[in-house]
Amino acid sequence: MRHCSLLTLTLVLTVGGTTQADNWTHWRGHNGNGVAPNATPPSEWSSTKNVKWKVKLPGQSSGSPVIWEDKVYVVSGVPVLTERTTAERPTTASPVPNQRSDRQRKGSGRSRSRSRGGRGAAPLQMLKFTVFCFDRATGKQLWKQIAVEAKPHEATHSTNNFASASPCTDGQHLYAFFGSRGMYCYTMDGKLVWKRDDLGNMQTRNSFGEGSSPTLADNKIIVPWDHEGQSSISALDKRTGKTIWKTDRDEPTCWATPLVIEHDDSKQVIMNGQTNARAYDLQTGKELWRCGGQTERPVASAVAGGGLVFIGSGHKGSFLAAFRPNGHGNVEGTDRVVWTIDQDTPDIASPLLSSGRLYFHKAKLGVLTCVDATTGRTHFGPQRVPGLDTIYASPIAADGHIYLTGRNGTTVVIRDSDTFDIVATNSVGETVDATPAPVDDQLFIRGAEHLFCISRN
C-alpha cells in the first residue's frame, strides 16, 4: 500500500445531488454509494422471521430492485416457451460485432480473442425482456410490461443472464435498460413513453454477457457501452430518449456503472475502465481527467465522498485508489492521487463508502477489508467472513450496519465500525447475485427465484 499525505481539502463534493429519502432509485441508491441514511431494516431474518412477503419471479435477472414510494420494480429475461402466465401470488413468511481495431487493442495494453460463448453458456433462446411492478405492502403484482421479445445475439457467462442491468427511476418515469436490446422509458404506472432499440449489439469479452446499469442525473440518463467493438459513453435526454452527447472510449469490455458527482458547481461522470479510470463533464461528455493502473475486465463501480473519488478493480491484479476530482488530463503520479492499494481489492462487488470508511471484498471472495477513506490506512482485514464465499452483490449500509451478501443467499450483517463485529447471519435459501435495496424498515432482496420483502412488521 502507498499512502500520500492528504492536505486540507477546499473542494466540496457531494454525490448525485440532494439526498432522496425513503426511496431507492438506482442500483446502489440515490447517491450511488450503497448507503441508505434513513433506513432501519431488520438485521435478522429467516424463512419464518421478518419476511413480510415473497413472490415467485419468472425468468432470470441479477438486476437489483428499485423502490419508489409504494411500488417495487424489477426486470427479468423470461424464456418464451417456459414463461409463467404471471408472477405467482406472494406468500407470507409466517410460518412459512465488431472486433476491436489494432489501435484499440494497443491502447488497452492487452489483446484478446473472443470465444463463442461464456463459460458453461446455455443455448440461446427467445426471451421476453420484462419489467414488473409490485405493491410494496403486499407483494401483489400491479403490472408488467414486455419491453421486447428477442433472441440474444450472443451467449453469456453461465453465472450471468440477459437482464442483468438494474432499472432506475426519478419518481416520474422508470427506465429499464436491457443493453443490446435497448432502453425503455415507462410511466410509474407502466405506460411506454419512449424506447431506444437502435443502440446496436455489444460484443463482450469471451461472450461473458452484459451488465452495466444506466445512471440518472438532471435531465440525462447516462448509458455505458464498453465492449470489444467501439466503446462509448452517452447521455440521453430522459424525457425523449434522444442522444445529447456521445463520447467514444478506448476501452475493452467493462461492466461498471457510471457514478455522477458534484464538484465546483459542475457535475462529473465517473467511469471505471481497464485502460483508464476517467471523469467526463456531465453537460458535454468531454473527458476531464484519467488515470491508469486498473486491472483486466473491471466490474466494480466508483464511490465518492469527503472530497474524494474511489475507483478500483481486482481481476488478475489489484488496484484501488482515492482521487481528488480537480485534476486535468492524466493524473497518474500526481498529488491528485491521494492513496493507492495494490492488494486484496474488489472484483465484481463494488466498494462501499459509509461513515468515512471504505469496505471492499478481496476479488470475488468473502474476505473483507475496511480502510479509512481519507488516508487508506487499514481498520481491519483482510478478514474472512464466515458463511460467505463467492460475492457478486455489492455491500450496502443502513442503520449502523453493513450487509454483506454472497451468491449462496447468505447475508452476514456486521456493525458499521472500525472493528469487525458480526451481528447476525441470515439466508433466503437461494442464489442472490443482485444487490439488496434497503428502504425505511424494509430490505428487498432479488433472489434467483423470488423477490423477498424483509421487514420488521
Protein backbone atom coordinates (compact mmCIF):
# COMPACT_ATOMS: atom_id res chain seq x y z
CA MET A 1 0.00 0.00 0.00
CA ARG A 2 1.24 3.50 -0.82
CA HIS A 3 0.00 6.40 1.30
CA CYS A 4 0.14 10.06 0.32
CA SER A 5 -0.32 12.96 2.69
CA LEU A 6 -3.81 14.39 2.47
CA LEU A 7 -3.74 18.17 2.54
CA THR A 8 -6.70 20.18 3.69
CA LEU A 9 -9.36 19.86 1.02
CA THR A 10 -11.04 23.02 -0.10
CA LEU A 11 -13.40 21.36 -2.52
CA VAL A 12 -16.85 20.25 -1.55
CA LEU A 13 -18.07 17.09 -3.22
CA THR A 14 -21.47 15.51 -2.97
CA VAL A 15 -22.80 12.61 -4.96
CA GLY A 16 -25.77 12.94 -7.27
CA GLY A 17 -27.31 15.99 -5.61
CA THR A 18 -29.89 16.18 -2.82
CA THR A 19 -30.37 13.07 -0.73
CA GLN A 20 -33.55 11.20 -1.65
CA ALA A 21 -35.13 9.81 1.49
CA ASP A 22 -37.40 6.80 1.69
CA ASN A 23 -36.79 5.65 -1.89
CA TRP A 24 -34.15 3.51 -3.58
CA THR A 25 -33.91 4.93 -7.07
CA HIS A 26 -30.83 3.28 -8.51
CA TRP A 27 -28.72 0.13 -8.36
CA ARG A 28 -26.88 1.40 -5.25
CA GLY A 29 -29.31 4.01 -4.04
CA HIS A 30 -29.85 7.63 -4.97
CA ASN A 31 -26.26 8.64 -4.14
CA GLY A 32 -24.62 5.61 -5.70
CA ASN A 33 -22.56 4.73 -2.60
CA GLY A 34 -24.76 1.88 -1.35
CA VAL A 35 -25.90 3.79 1.75
CA ALA A 36 -29.49 4.30 2.93
CA PRO A 37 -29.11 7.02 5.60
CA ASN A 38 -32.71 6.88 6.80
CA ALA A 39 -33.44 3.15 6.53
CA THR A 40 -33.76 0.83 9.53
CA PRO A 41 -34.23 -2.66 8.02
CA PRO A 42 -34.02 -5.80 10.14
CA SER A 43 -30.59 -7.23 10.82
CA GLU A 44 -32.03 -10.73 11.29
CA TRP A 45 -34.38 -12.88 9.24
CA SER A 46 -35.13 -16.48 8.31
CA SER A 47 -37.80 -18.41 6.42
CA THR A 48 -40.19 -17.70 9.30
CA LYS A 49 -38.84 -14.46 10.78
CA ASN A 50 -39.09 -10.91 9.44
CA VAL A 51 -40.12 -11.95 5.92
CA LYS A 52 -43.23 -9.93 5.18
CA TRP A 53 -43.77 -11.49 1.76
CA LYS A 54 -42.02 -13.18 -1.11
CA VAL A 55 -43.15 -13.54 -4.69
CA LYS A 56 -42.04 -16.02 -7.33
CA LEU A 57 -40.38 -14.37 -10.31
CA PRO A 58 -40.23 -15.86 -13.81
CA GLY A 59 -37.02 -15.78 -15.81
CA GLN A 60 -33.58 -14.63 -14.74
CA SER A 61 -32.04 -11.32 -13.69
CA SER A 62 -29.31 -10.04 -11.40
CA GLY A 63 -30.66 -6.52 -11.69
CA SER A 64 -31.44 -5.03 -8.30
CA PRO A 65 -34.89 -3.81 -7.24
CA VAL A 66 -35.68 -0.11 -7.21
CA ILE A 67 -38.34 1.31 -4.91
CA TRP A 68 -40.41 4.46 -5.21
CA GLU A 69 -42.96 5.13 -2.51
CA ASP A 70 -45.42 2.22 -2.51
CA LYS A 71 -44.06 0.34 -5.53
CA VAL A 72 -41.17 -2.06 -6.19
CA TYR A 73 -39.78 -2.54 -9.70
CA VAL A 74 -37.67 -5.40 -11.05
CA VAL A 75 -36.69 -6.68 -14.50
CA SER A 76 -36.26 -10.16 -15.93
CA GLY A 77 -35.48 -12.09 -19.09
CA VAL A 78 -38.31 -14.60 -19.33
CA PRO A 79 -37.97 -17.61 -21.69
CA VAL A 80 -40.87 -17.56 -24.13
CA LEU A 81 -41.51 -21.30 -24.04
CA THR A 82 -41.45 -21.60 -20.24
CA GLU A 83 -42.94 -18.29 -19.18
CA ARG A 84 -45.44 -18.46 -16.36
CA THR A 85 -48.54 -16.51 -17.28
CA THR A 86 -47.94 -14.21 -14.34
CA ALA A 87 -45.72 -13.94 -11.34
CA GLU A 88 -47.15 -16.20 -8.66
CA ARG A 89 -49.03 -14.80 -5.72
CA PRO A 90 -46.91 -13.56 -2.84
CA THR A 91 -46.62 -15.80 0.20
CA THR A 92 -46.24 -14.51 3.70
CA ALA A 93 -43.41 -15.95 5.68
CA SER A 94 -45.40 -16.54 8.67
CA PRO A 95 -44.75 -20.00 9.28
CA VAL A 96 -43.95 -20.28 6.13
CA PRO A 97 -19.91 -7.20 -33.93
CA ASN A 98 -17.18 -5.74 -34.37
CA GLN A 99 -13.70 -6.79 -33.29
CA ARG A 100 -11.60 -4.04 -31.72
CA SER A 101 -9.13 -2.33 -34.03
CA ASP A 102 -5.37 -2.79 -33.67
CA ARG A 103 -5.18 0.74 -32.30
CA GLN A 104 -7.78 -0.01 -29.64
CA ARG A 105 -6.03 -3.23 -28.65
CA LYS A 106 -2.77 -1.38 -28.32
CA GLY A 107 -4.48 1.29 -26.27
CA SER A 108 -5.85 -1.27 -23.83
CA GLY A 109 -2.40 -2.77 -23.40
CA ARG A 110 -3.72 -6.28 -23.96
CA SER A 111 -5.11 -8.06 -26.99
CA ARG A 112 -7.64 -10.78 -26.52
CA SER A 113 -9.71 -13.18 -28.54
CA ARG A 114 -13.38 -13.89 -28.09
CA SER A 115 -14.76 -17.36 -27.61
CA ARG A 116 -18.11 -18.42 -28.97
CA GLY A 117 -19.77 -18.38 -25.61
CA GLY A 118 -19.27 -17.63 -21.94
CA ARG A 119 -18.12 -20.40 -19.65
CA GLY A 120 -20.84 -23.04 -19.48
CA ALA A 121 -23.13 -20.91 -21.62
CA ALA A 122 -26.62 -22.22 -22.25
CA PRO A 123 -28.13 -22.36 -25.77
CA LEU A 124 -29.68 -19.11 -26.89
CA GLN A 125 -33.47 -18.89 -26.78
CA MET A 126 -36.20 -16.34 -27.31
CA LEU A 127 -36.76 -14.17 -24.24
CA LYS A 128 -39.37 -11.67 -23.18
CA PHE A 129 -37.45 -8.77 -21.62
CA THR A 130 -39.94 -7.78 -18.95
CA VAL A 131 -40.50 -5.08 -16.35
CA PHE A 132 -42.52 -5.98 -13.24
CA CYS A 133 -44.15 -3.67 -10.70
CA PHE A 134 -45.23 -4.95 -7.26
CA ASP A 135 -47.19 -3.43 -4.43
CA ARG A 136 -44.70 -2.74 -1.66
CA ALA A 137 -47.12 -3.51 1.14
CA THR A 138 -48.41 -6.86 -0.10
CA GLY A 139 -46.17 -8.13 -2.90
CA LYS A 140 -49.12 -8.19 -5.30
CA GLN A 141 -48.14 -7.75 -8.93
CA LEU A 142 -49.59 -4.43 -10.13
CA TRP A 143 -48.41 -4.57 -13.72
CA LYS A 144 -45.86 -5.99 -16.08
CA GLN A 145 -44.69 -4.80 -19.48
CA ILE A 146 -42.79 -6.78 -22.08
CA ALA A 147 -40.27 -4.32 -23.47
CA VAL A 148 -39.18 -6.56 -26.33
CA GLU A 149 -39.23 -10.20 -27.35
CA ALA A 150 -35.90 -11.25 -28.86
CA LYS A 151 -33.20 -13.88 -29.02
CA PRO A 152 -29.86 -12.54 -27.70
CA HIS A 153 -27.23 -12.20 -30.42
CA GLU A 154 -24.50 -13.87 -28.35
CA ALA A 155 -24.19 -16.09 -25.31
CA THR A 156 -23.45 -15.05 -21.75
CA HIS A 157 -21.45 -16.45 -18.87
CA SER A 158 -23.06 -19.35 -17.02
CA THR A 159 -23.44 -17.18 -13.91
CA ASN A 160 -24.66 -14.15 -15.84
CA ASN A 161 -28.02 -13.61 -17.56
CA PHE A 162 -29.53 -11.40 -20.23
CA ALA A 163 -31.29 -8.92 -17.92
CA SER A 164 -28.51 -8.06 -15.50
CA ALA A 165 -28.75 -4.26 -15.58
CA SER A 166 -30.76 -2.61 -12.81
CA PRO A 167 -33.58 -0.20 -13.63
CA CYS A 168 -33.62 3.35 -12.26
CA THR A 169 -36.27 5.98 -11.58
CA ASP A 170 -36.74 9.67 -10.85
CA GLY A 171 -40.24 9.16 -9.45
CA GLN A 172 -41.85 10.30 -12.70
CA HIS A 173 -40.55 7.62 -15.04
CA LEU A 174 -38.97 4.21 -14.78
CA TYR A 175 -36.03 3.38 -17.05
CA ALA A 176 -35.28 -0.23 -17.92
CA PHE A 177 -32.03 -0.97 -19.74
CA PHE A 178 -31.59 -4.31 -21.47
CA GLY A 179 -28.23 -3.50 -23.06
CA SER A 180 -28.17 -4.57 -26.70
CA ARG A 181 -31.96 -4.98 -26.54
CA GLY A 182 -32.38 -1.27 -25.81
CA MET A 183 -33.53 1.33 -23.28
CA TYR A 184 -37.22 1.67 -22.37
CA CYS A 185 -38.91 4.51 -20.51
CA TYR A 186 -42.23 3.94 -18.74
CA THR A 187 -44.55 5.97 -16.57
CA MET A 188 -44.71 4.75 -12.99
CA ASP A 189 -47.96 3.00 -13.96
CA GLY A 190 -46.36 1.06 -16.81
CA LYS A 191 -47.17 3.07 -19.94
CA LEU A 192 -44.39 3.20 -22.52
CA VAL A 193 -43.15 6.76 -23.10
CA TRP A 194 -40.20 6.13 -25.42
CA LYS A 195 -37.72 3.47 -26.37
CA ARG A 196 -34.27 3.27 -27.93
CA ASP A 197 -33.83 -0.09 -29.62
CA ASP A 198 -31.23 1.21 -32.07
CA LEU A 199 -28.20 1.20 -29.77
CA GLY A 200 -26.54 -1.74 -31.53
CA ASN A 201 -25.16 -5.07 -30.36
CA MET A 202 -22.36 -5.37 -27.85
CA GLN A 203 -19.65 -7.97 -28.39
CA THR A 204 -18.45 -8.69 -24.85
CA ARG A 205 -15.19 -10.25 -23.84
CA ASN A 206 -15.37 -14.04 -24.22
CA SER A 207 -19.14 -13.61 -24.63
CA PHE A 208 -19.39 -13.14 -20.88
CA GLY A 209 -22.51 -11.03 -21.38
CA GLU A 210 -23.57 -7.51 -20.47
CA GLY A 211 -24.20 -5.94 -17.08
CA SER A 212 -23.59 -2.20 -16.70
CA SER A 213 -26.56 -0.19 -15.42
CA PRO A 214 -27.56 3.33 -16.50
CA THR A 215 -27.41 6.34 -14.18
CA LEU A 216 -29.82 9.28 -13.94
CA ALA A 217 -28.54 12.83 -13.47
CA ASP A 218 -30.50 16.04 -14.04
CA ASN A 219 -32.31 15.68 -17.39
CA LYS A 220 -29.94 12.96 -18.59
CA ILE A 221 -29.65 9.22 -18.41
CA ILE A 222 -26.04 8.07 -18.74
CA VAL A 223 -25.55 4.91 -20.80
CA PRO A 224 -22.27 2.95 -20.56
CA TRP A 225 -21.30 0.97 -23.67
CA ASP A 226 -17.90 -0.71 -23.19
CA HIS A 227 -17.32 -3.85 -25.26
CA GLU A 228 -14.92 -5.38 -27.79
CA GLY A 229 -16.14 -3.10 -30.56
CA GLN A 230 -16.16 0.69 -30.43
CA SER A 231 -16.86 1.56 -26.80
CA SER A 232 -18.58 4.76 -25.71
CA ILE A 233 -20.48 6.55 -23.00
CA SER A 234 -23.61 8.54 -23.87
CA ALA A 235 -26.13 10.90 -22.35
CA LEU A 236 -29.74 10.52 -23.48
CA ASP A 237 -32.46 13.06 -22.80
CA LYS A 238 -34.51 11.28 -20.15
CA ARG A 239 -37.70 12.92 -21.44
CA THR A 240 -37.38 11.88 -25.08
CA GLY A 241 -34.57 9.32 -25.35
CA LYS A 242 -32.69 11.47 -27.88
CA THR A 243 -28.90 11.46 -27.69
CA ILE A 244 -27.50 14.64 -26.11
CA TRP A 245 -23.84 13.63 -26.41
CA LYS A 246 -21.80 10.53 -27.12
CA THR A 247 -18.10 10.13 -26.31
CA ASP A 248 -16.01 7.30 -27.72
CA ARG A 249 -13.87 5.34 -25.26
CA ASP A 250 -10.68 3.43 -25.96
CA GLU A 251 -11.71 0.62 -23.61
CA PRO A 252 -12.41 -3.11 -23.87
CA THR A 253 -15.40 -4.67 -22.11
CA CYS A 254 -16.19 -3.16 -18.72
CA TRP A 255 -19.17 -3.98 -16.53
CA ALA A 256 -19.07 -0.95 -14.22
CA THR A 257 -21.90 1.54 -13.76
CA PRO A 258 -21.27 5.31 -14.05
CA LEU A 259 -21.28 7.47 -10.93
CA VAL A 260 -22.25 11.15 -11.08
CA ILE A 261 -20.64 13.53 -8.59
CA GLU A 262 -20.88 17.26 -7.98
CA HIS A 263 -17.67 19.30 -7.88
CA ASP A 264 -17.07 23.06 -8.09
CA ASP A 265 -20.63 23.84 -9.20
CA SER A 266 -20.48 21.31 -12.02
CA LYS A 267 -21.03 17.59 -12.32
CA GLN A 268 -18.73 14.81 -13.43
CA VAL A 269 -19.47 11.33 -14.71
CA ILE A 270 -17.00 8.88 -13.16
CA MET A 271 -16.45 5.64 -15.09
CA ASN A 272 -14.15 2.72 -14.44
CA GLY A 273 -12.14 1.18 -17.29
CA GLN A 274 -9.33 -1.23 -17.98
CA THR A 275 -7.18 1.31 -19.81
CA ASN A 276 -8.03 4.24 -17.55
CA ALA A 277 -10.44 5.31 -14.87
CA ARG A 278 -11.94 8.53 -16.23
CA ALA A 279 -14.14 11.52 -15.47
CA TYR A 280 -16.36 13.30 -18.00
CA ASP A 281 -18.22 16.58 -17.90
CA LEU A 282 -21.90 15.78 -17.44
CA GLN A 283 -23.06 18.60 -19.72
CA THR A 284 -20.78 17.99 -22.70
CA GLY A 285 -19.27 14.49 -22.35
CA LYS A 286 -15.75 15.97 -22.56
CA GLU A 287 -13.08 13.93 -20.76
CA LEU A 288 -11.78 15.84 -17.73
CA TRP A 289 -9.19 13.53 -16.15
CA ARG A 290 -7.98 9.96 -16.28
CA CYS A 291 -5.63 7.57 -14.53
CA GLY A 292 -4.22 4.17 -15.49
CA GLY A 293 -3.31 1.28 -13.25
CA GLN A 294 -6.52 -0.73 -13.39
CA THR A 295 -6.66 -4.49 -13.79
CA GLU A 296 -8.31 -6.60 -16.51
CA ARG A 297 -12.06 -6.53 -17.25
CA PRO A 298 -13.13 -4.14 -14.44
CA VAL A 299 -16.58 -4.60 -12.94
CA ALA A 300 -16.62 -2.61 -9.69
CA SER A 301 -18.15 0.86 -9.84
CA ALA A 302 -16.82 4.01 -8.23
CA VAL A 303 -17.99 5.58 -4.98
CA ALA A 304 -17.33 9.11 -3.75
CA GLY A 305 -17.46 11.33 -0.68
CA GLY A 306 -15.41 13.60 1.55
CA GLY A 307 -13.89 15.30 -1.47
CA LEU A 308 -12.56 12.08 -2.96
CA VAL A 309 -13.49 9.54 -5.63
CA PHE A 310 -12.62 5.86 -5.08
CA ILE A 311 -12.09 3.55 -8.07
CA GLY A 312 -10.69 0.03 -8.18
CA SER A 313 -10.63 -3.43 -9.72
CA GLY A 314 -9.35 -6.83 -8.70
CA HIS A 315 -9.15 -9.40 -11.52
CA LYS A 316 -5.63 -10.58 -12.42
CA GLY A 317 -4.16 -7.89 -10.21
CA SER A 318 -5.24 -5.40 -7.58
CA PHE A 319 -5.81 -1.67 -7.76
CA LEU A 320 -7.78 0.77 -5.63
CA ALA A 321 -7.14 4.49 -5.42
CA ALA A 322 -8.56 7.69 -3.96
CA PHE A 323 -8.63 10.63 -6.38
CA ARG A 324 -9.20 14.34 -5.99
CA PRO A 325 -11.63 15.19 -8.81
CA ASN A 326 -9.99 18.54 -9.62
CA GLY A 327 -7.35 17.10 -11.95
CA HIS A 328 -6.90 17.60 -15.68
CA GLY A 329 -5.59 15.13 -18.24
CA ASN A 330 -3.55 12.20 -16.96
CA VAL A 331 -3.33 12.45 -13.15
CA GLU A 332 -1.27 9.31 -12.64
CA GLY A 333 1.74 10.08 -10.43
CA THR A 334 0.37 13.46 -9.31
CA ASP A 335 -0.99 14.68 -5.99
CA ARG A 336 -4.50 14.15 -7.39
CA VAL A 337 -3.94 10.50 -6.49
CA VAL A 338 -4.19 10.64 -2.69
CA TRP A 339 -3.53 6.99 -1.88
CA THR A 340 -3.46 3.60 -3.57
CA ILE A 341 -3.85 -0.02 -2.50
CA ASP A 342 -2.33 -2.84 -4.53
CA GLN A 343 -3.68 -5.96 -2.85
CA ASP A 344 -6.98 -7.59 -1.88
CA THR A 345 -9.09 -5.17 -3.94
CA PRO A 346 -12.66 -5.81 -5.22
CA ASP A 347 -13.58 -7.54 -8.46
CA ILE A 348 -17.32 -7.89 -9.13
CA ALA A 349 -18.77 -6.36 -5.97
CA SER A 350 -18.21 -2.60 -5.74
CA PRO A 351 -16.75 -0.94 -2.65
CA LEU A 352 -18.99 0.65 -0.03
CA LEU A 353 -18.35 4.10 1.44
CA SER A 354 -20.04 4.65 4.80
CA SER A 355 -19.21 6.85 7.80
CA GLY A 356 -15.78 7.69 6.42
CA ARG A 357 -14.90 4.03 5.98
CA LEU A 358 -14.34 2.16 2.73
CA TYR A 359 -15.36 -1.52 2.76
CA PHE A 360 -14.43 -3.92 -0.04
CA HIS A 361 -14.13 -7.64 -0.76
CA LYS A 362 -10.99 -9.32 -1.99
CA ALA A 363 -11.67 -10.29 -5.62
CA LYS A 364 -14.92 -12.35 -5.51
CA LEU A 365 -14.17 -13.85 -2.11
CA GLY A 366 -15.90 -13.49 1.22
CA VAL A 367 -12.81 -11.70 2.51
CA LEU A 368 -13.44 -8.16 3.69
CA THR A 369 -11.17 -5.17 4.24
CA CYS A 370 -12.12 -1.86 5.84
CA VAL A 371 -9.91 1.22 5.46
CA ASP A 372 -10.08 4.86 6.43
CA ALA A 373 -11.38 6.64 3.35
CA THR A 374 -9.26 9.75 3.93
CA THR A 375 -5.89 8.05 4.38
CA GLY A 376 -6.31 4.49 3.08
CA ARG A 377 -5.00 3.11 6.37
CA THR A 378 -6.46 -0.25 7.35
CA HIS A 379 -9.04 -0.53 10.13
CA PHE A 380 -9.36 -4.31 9.75
CA GLY A 381 -8.79 -7.08 7.23
CA PRO A 382 -8.36 -8.86 5.06
CA GLN A 383 -10.96 -10.62 7.22
CA ARG A 384 -12.64 -13.88 6.29
CA VAL A 385 -16.41 -13.51 6.70
CA PRO A 386 -17.87 -16.84 7.92
CA GLY A 387 -20.67 -18.14 5.70
CA LEU A 388 -19.67 -16.15 2.59
CA ASP A 389 -17.73 -17.36 -0.43
CA THR A 390 -18.38 -16.10 -3.95
CA ILE A 391 -19.57 -12.49 -3.95
CA TYR A 392 -21.45 -10.73 -6.77
CA ALA A 393 -23.78 -8.43 -4.79
CA SER A 394 -22.24 -5.20 -3.51
CA PRO A 395 -22.31 -4.36 0.22
CA ILE A 396 -24.85 -1.85 1.49
CA ALA A 397 -25.15 0.18 4.71
CA ALA A 398 -28.18 1.10 6.81
CA ASP A 399 -28.89 1.88 10.47
CA GLY A 400 -25.31 1.42 11.65
CA HIS A 401 -24.95 -1.95 9.93
CA ILE A 402 -23.19 -3.30 6.85
CA TYR A 403 -24.99 -6.02 4.83
CA LEU A 404 -22.68 -8.48 3.03
CA THR A 405 -24.44 -10.89 0.66
CA GLY A 406 -22.98 -13.95 -1.08
CA ARG A 407 -24.16 -15.97 -4.06
CA ASN A 408 -25.27 -18.74 -1.68
CA GLY A 409 -28.06 -16.47 -0.43
CA THR A 410 -26.39 -15.75 2.90
CA THR A 411 -26.26 -12.20 4.21
CA VAL A 412 -23.85 -11.50 7.05
CA VAL A 413 -24.64 -8.30 8.94
CA ILE A 414 -21.75 -6.54 10.69
CA ARG A 415 -21.52 -3.29 12.58
CA ASP A 416 -20.50 -0.18 10.67
CA SER A 417 -17.37 0.39 12.73
CA ASP A 418 -13.57 0.30 12.76
CA THR A 419 -13.63 -3.27 14.07
CA PHE A 420 -15.06 -6.46 12.59
CA ASP A 421 -18.15 -7.38 14.61
CA ILE A 422 -20.77 -9.81 13.29
CA VAL A 423 -24.35 -9.01 14.31
CA ALA A 424 -26.24 -11.79 12.51
CA THR A 425 -26.05 -14.34 9.71
CA ASN A 426 -29.16 -14.85 7.57
CA SER A 427 -30.24 -16.73 4.45
CA VAL A 428 -33.07 -16.61 1.92
CA GLY A 429 -32.24 -20.14 0.76
CA GLU A 430 -31.49 -19.39 -2.90
CA THR A 431 -28.82 -17.77 -5.06
CA VAL A 432 -28.52 -13.99 -4.75
CA ASP A 433 -26.48 -12.00 -7.28
CA ALA A 434 -28.39 -8.72 -7.09
CA THR A 435 -27.51 -6.01 -4.59
CA PRO A 436 -30.23 -5.71 -1.89
CA ALA A 437 -32.23 -2.49 -1.55
CA PRO A 438 -32.94 -1.01 1.93
CA VAL A 439 -35.86 1.41 2.34
CA ASP A 440 -37.45 2.54 5.61
CA ASP A 441 -37.76 -0.55 7.82
CA GLN A 442 -37.56 -2.98 4.89
CA LEU A 443 -34.93 -4.76 2.83
CA PHE A 444 -35.74 -6.04 -0.67
CA ILE A 445 -33.71 -8.98 -1.98
CA ARG A 446 -33.92 -10.21 -5.57
CA GLY A 447 -33.04 -13.89 -5.49
CA ALA A 448 -32.73 -16.33 -8.37
CA GLU A 449 -36.37 -17.39 -7.94
CA HIS A 450 -38.10 -14.90 -5.64
CA LEU A 451 -38.36 -11.26 -4.66
CA PHE A 452 -38.26 -11.01 -0.86
CA CYS A 453 -39.53 -8.21 1.37
CA ILE A 454 -37.65 -8.42 4.67
CA SER A 455 -39.50 -6.26 7.20
CA ARG A 456 -39.81 -5.57 10.90
CA ASN A 457 -43.59 -5.67 10.51
